Protein backbone atom coordinates (compact mmCIF):
# COMPACT_ATOMS: atom_id res chain seq x y z
CA GLU A 1 8.06 -21.86 -4.75
CA THR A 2 4.83 -20.05 -6.89
CA LYS A 3 5.96 -20.27 -10.59
CA GLU A 4 6.68 -24.06 -10.30
CA GLN A 5 3.27 -24.58 -8.63
CA LEU A 6 0.96 -22.69 -11.05
CA LEU A 7 3.38 -24.60 -13.64
CA TRP A 8 2.26 -28.00 -12.17
CA VAL A 9 -1.25 -26.95 -11.89
CA ALA A 10 -1.69 -25.55 -14.96
CA GLN A 11 -0.40 -28.82 -16.58
CA GLU A 12 -2.57 -30.90 -13.93
CA MET A 13 -5.41 -28.37 -15.20
CA LEU A 14 -4.77 -30.21 -19.00
CA ARG A 15 -4.44 -33.79 -17.63
CA SER A 16 -7.32 -33.92 -15.64
CA GLY A 17 -9.74 -32.56 -18.35
CA LEU A 18 -10.73 -29.38 -17.18
CA VAL A 19 -8.98 -28.08 -21.26
CA GLU A 20 -8.08 -29.23 -24.09
CA GLY A 21 -5.32 -28.69 -26.08
CA THR A 22 -3.89 -24.63 -25.01
CA ALA A 23 -7.31 -23.67 -23.76
CA GLY A 24 -7.86 -22.10 -20.09
CA ASN A 25 -5.49 -19.94 -18.72
CA VAL A 26 -4.00 -19.57 -14.62
CA ALA A 27 -2.46 -17.07 -12.85
CA ALA A 28 -0.89 -16.90 -9.56
CA ARG A 29 -0.04 -13.57 -7.00
CA LEU A 30 3.87 -13.18 -6.27
CA PRO A 31 5.41 -12.45 -2.50
CA ASP A 32 6.31 -9.18 -4.39
CA GLY A 33 2.57 -8.47 -5.37
CA ASN A 34 3.18 -9.40 -9.46
CA ALA A 35 1.41 -11.97 -10.90
CA VAL A 36 2.80 -15.05 -12.36
CA LEU A 37 0.79 -15.74 -15.61
CA THR A 38 0.61 -18.61 -17.82
CA PRO A 39 1.51 -17.42 -21.56
CA SER A 40 -0.89 -17.34 -25.09
CA SER A 41 -1.21 -20.36 -26.99
CA LEU A 42 1.40 -22.89 -25.54
CA ASP A 43 1.19 -26.19 -25.17
CA TYR A 44 0.67 -27.33 -20.96
CA LEU A 45 3.16 -30.32 -21.48
CA ALA A 46 5.56 -27.78 -22.99
CA MET A 47 5.46 -25.45 -21.18
CA GLY A 48 8.47 -24.52 -18.57
CA LEU A 49 9.30 -21.95 -16.44
CA ASP A 50 10.90 -19.68 -18.21
CA ASP A 51 7.72 -19.45 -20.37
CA LEU A 52 5.63 -17.95 -17.52
CA VAL A 53 5.28 -14.15 -17.82
CA VAL A 54 5.34 -11.78 -14.99
CA CYS A 55 3.24 -8.78 -14.35
CA ASP A 56 2.46 -6.06 -12.21
CA LEU A 57 -1.29 -6.51 -11.47
CA ASP A 58 -1.71 -3.17 -14.02
CA GLY A 59 -0.41 -5.48 -17.10
CA ASN A 60 2.58 -4.53 -17.50
CA VAL A 61 4.77 -7.31 -18.57
CA LEU A 62 7.73 -7.38 -16.12
CA GLU A 63 9.76 -10.93 -17.19
CA GLY A 64 9.40 -12.89 -19.91
CA HIS A 65 9.86 -13.33 -23.40
CA ARG A 66 6.04 -14.47 -24.32
CA SER A 67 2.91 -12.79 -24.52
CA PRO A 68 0.61 -13.50 -21.20
CA THR A 69 -2.61 -14.73 -21.87
CA THR A 70 -4.94 -13.22 -23.41
CA GLU A 71 -7.51 -12.90 -20.56
CA LYS A 72 -4.99 -11.37 -18.11
CA SER A 73 -7.41 -8.98 -17.20
CA LEU A 74 -9.74 -11.52 -16.29
CA HIS A 75 -7.42 -12.87 -13.41
CA LEU A 76 -5.58 -9.49 -12.97
CA SER A 77 -8.87 -7.84 -12.10
CA ALA A 78 -9.47 -10.41 -9.11
CA LEU A 79 -6.02 -9.82 -8.10
CA ARG A 80 -6.55 -6.73 -7.46
CA LEU A 81 -10.05 -6.69 -5.82
CA TYR A 82 -9.83 -9.00 -3.66
CA PRO A 83 -6.08 -9.39 -2.09
CA GLU A 84 -6.58 -12.99 -0.08
CA ILE A 85 -7.28 -14.49 -3.51
CA GLY A 86 -3.43 -16.17 -4.21
CA ALA A 87 -4.50 -18.11 -7.15
CA THR A 88 -7.13 -17.69 -10.34
CA MET A 89 -7.63 -20.33 -13.02
CA HIS A 90 -10.49 -20.44 -16.22
CA CYS A 91 -10.57 -23.15 -18.15
CA HIS A 92 -13.41 -25.27 -20.18
CA ALA A 93 -14.09 -28.49 -18.19
CA LYS A 94 -17.10 -30.14 -19.94
CA PHE A 95 -19.62 -29.94 -17.67
CA ALA A 96 -19.06 -26.34 -16.55
CA THR A 97 -19.46 -25.71 -19.96
CA MET A 98 -22.47 -26.67 -20.33
CA PHE A 99 -24.40 -24.83 -17.91
CA ALA A 100 -22.27 -21.84 -18.38
CA LEU A 101 -23.58 -22.15 -22.15
CA THR A 102 -26.79 -22.44 -21.84
CA ARG A 103 -26.53 -19.96 -18.67
CA GLN A 104 -27.55 -21.86 -15.46
CA PRO A 105 -26.49 -21.93 -11.98
CA ILE A 106 -24.47 -24.85 -10.74
CA PRO A 107 -26.35 -25.39 -7.04
CA ALA A 108 -24.17 -26.59 -4.40
CA VAL A 109 -25.91 -29.86 -3.83
CA ILE A 110 -22.93 -31.52 -1.42
CA GLU A 111 -21.74 -29.66 1.39
CA GLU A 112 -18.04 -30.34 0.34
CA PHE A 113 -19.32 -28.18 -2.45
CA ASP A 114 -20.79 -25.70 -0.01
CA VAL A 115 -17.89 -25.35 2.38
CA PHE A 116 -15.07 -24.87 -0.68
CA VAL A 117 -16.93 -22.62 -3.53
CA GLY A 118 -19.34 -21.00 -0.95
CA GLY A 119 -22.63 -22.05 -2.35
CA ASP A 120 -24.40 -22.08 -5.68
CA VAL A 121 -22.09 -21.16 -8.81
CA GLU A 122 -24.10 -17.92 -10.38
CA VAL A 123 -23.63 -17.17 -13.72
CA ALA A 124 -22.09 -13.70 -15.10
CA ASP A 125 -22.86 -11.47 -17.82
CA TYR A 126 -22.46 -11.82 -21.07
CA LYS A 127 -19.24 -10.20 -22.08
CA THR A 128 -16.73 -10.05 -24.90
CA THR A 129 -14.18 -12.70 -23.68
CA GLY A 130 -10.47 -10.54 -22.93
CA THR A 131 -12.15 -7.70 -22.36
CA GLU A 132 -11.90 -5.02 -19.36
CA GLU A 133 -15.85 -5.40 -19.34
CA LEU A 134 -15.81 -9.42 -19.01
CA ALA A 135 -13.04 -8.71 -16.29
CA GLU A 136 -14.84 -6.56 -14.32
CA GLU A 137 -17.69 -8.48 -14.29
CA VAL A 138 -16.08 -11.75 -13.70
CA ALA A 139 -14.42 -10.25 -10.36
CA SER A 140 -17.10 -8.59 -8.73
CA ARG A 141 -18.97 -11.92 -8.52
CA VAL A 142 -15.82 -13.62 -6.77
CA GLY A 143 -15.40 -11.91 -3.22
CA LYS A 144 -17.46 -14.32 -1.31
CA LYS A 145 -17.50 -17.42 -4.09
CA ALA A 146 -14.83 -19.38 -5.42
CA ALA A 147 -16.53 -20.21 -8.35
CA VAL A 148 -18.56 -18.04 -11.47
CA LEU A 149 -19.20 -19.03 -14.56
CA MET A 150 -19.10 -16.96 -17.79
CA ALA A 151 -22.39 -16.79 -19.76
CA ASN A 152 -21.22 -18.60 -22.91
CA HIS A 153 -18.11 -19.20 -22.32
CA GLY A 154 -16.99 -21.22 -18.91
CA LEU A 155 -15.60 -21.37 -15.79
CA PHE A 156 -13.27 -19.19 -13.20
CA ALA A 157 -12.15 -20.07 -9.95
CA VAL A 158 -9.95 -18.47 -7.31
CA GLY A 159 -8.14 -19.69 -4.57
CA LYS A 160 -5.52 -19.21 -2.00
CA SER A 161 -2.93 -21.12 -3.90
CA PRO A 162 -2.50 -22.90 -7.36
CA LYS A 163 -3.29 -26.21 -5.81
CA ASP A 164 -6.23 -24.32 -4.00
CA VAL A 165 -8.03 -22.97 -7.05
CA LEU A 166 -7.35 -26.41 -9.03
CA HIS A 167 -8.99 -28.38 -5.98
CA VAL A 168 -12.35 -25.95 -6.20
CA ALA A 169 -12.42 -26.50 -10.44
CA GLN A 170 -12.06 -29.47 -9.92
CA LEU A 171 -15.02 -30.08 -7.45
CA VAL A 172 -17.10 -27.54 -9.52
CA GLU A 173 -16.36 -30.06 -12.58
CA ARG A 174 -17.53 -33.14 -10.59
């Protein structure tokens, strides 16, 4: 099921070094059209299925006893704009974040990167973390590409499923 896959991917995001501590967040589209998101500031390895938060695409909490990630707008904006996107990830992978901090795109230098990411990873214009402005700026850049750097922040990736988005983020970082 989607929730189990999302939880595994959130934990794997930590285990594989795409984030440290409670940084980053993951979301996935549910079969009913709503989204499941990781909660705010909870250790991924201690996180259980009951800690995940279900929201409609407008951000209203439908299920869960925790607060959704503070970056929920970032995820929901991309899911609203592109029905083909099934999952989203925001992470702070070390090398990708270095490119984001210097506001330099990551070139698609290997064929696999071009196939799964769709070309160079561009840098979105800087917008304050957690705002609708950031959500709109980033979402506008993932229609044809599976990843975008957020200036001074980190990486945002999209895919058909949680495991797919994990693959994209790991590929960009590699």
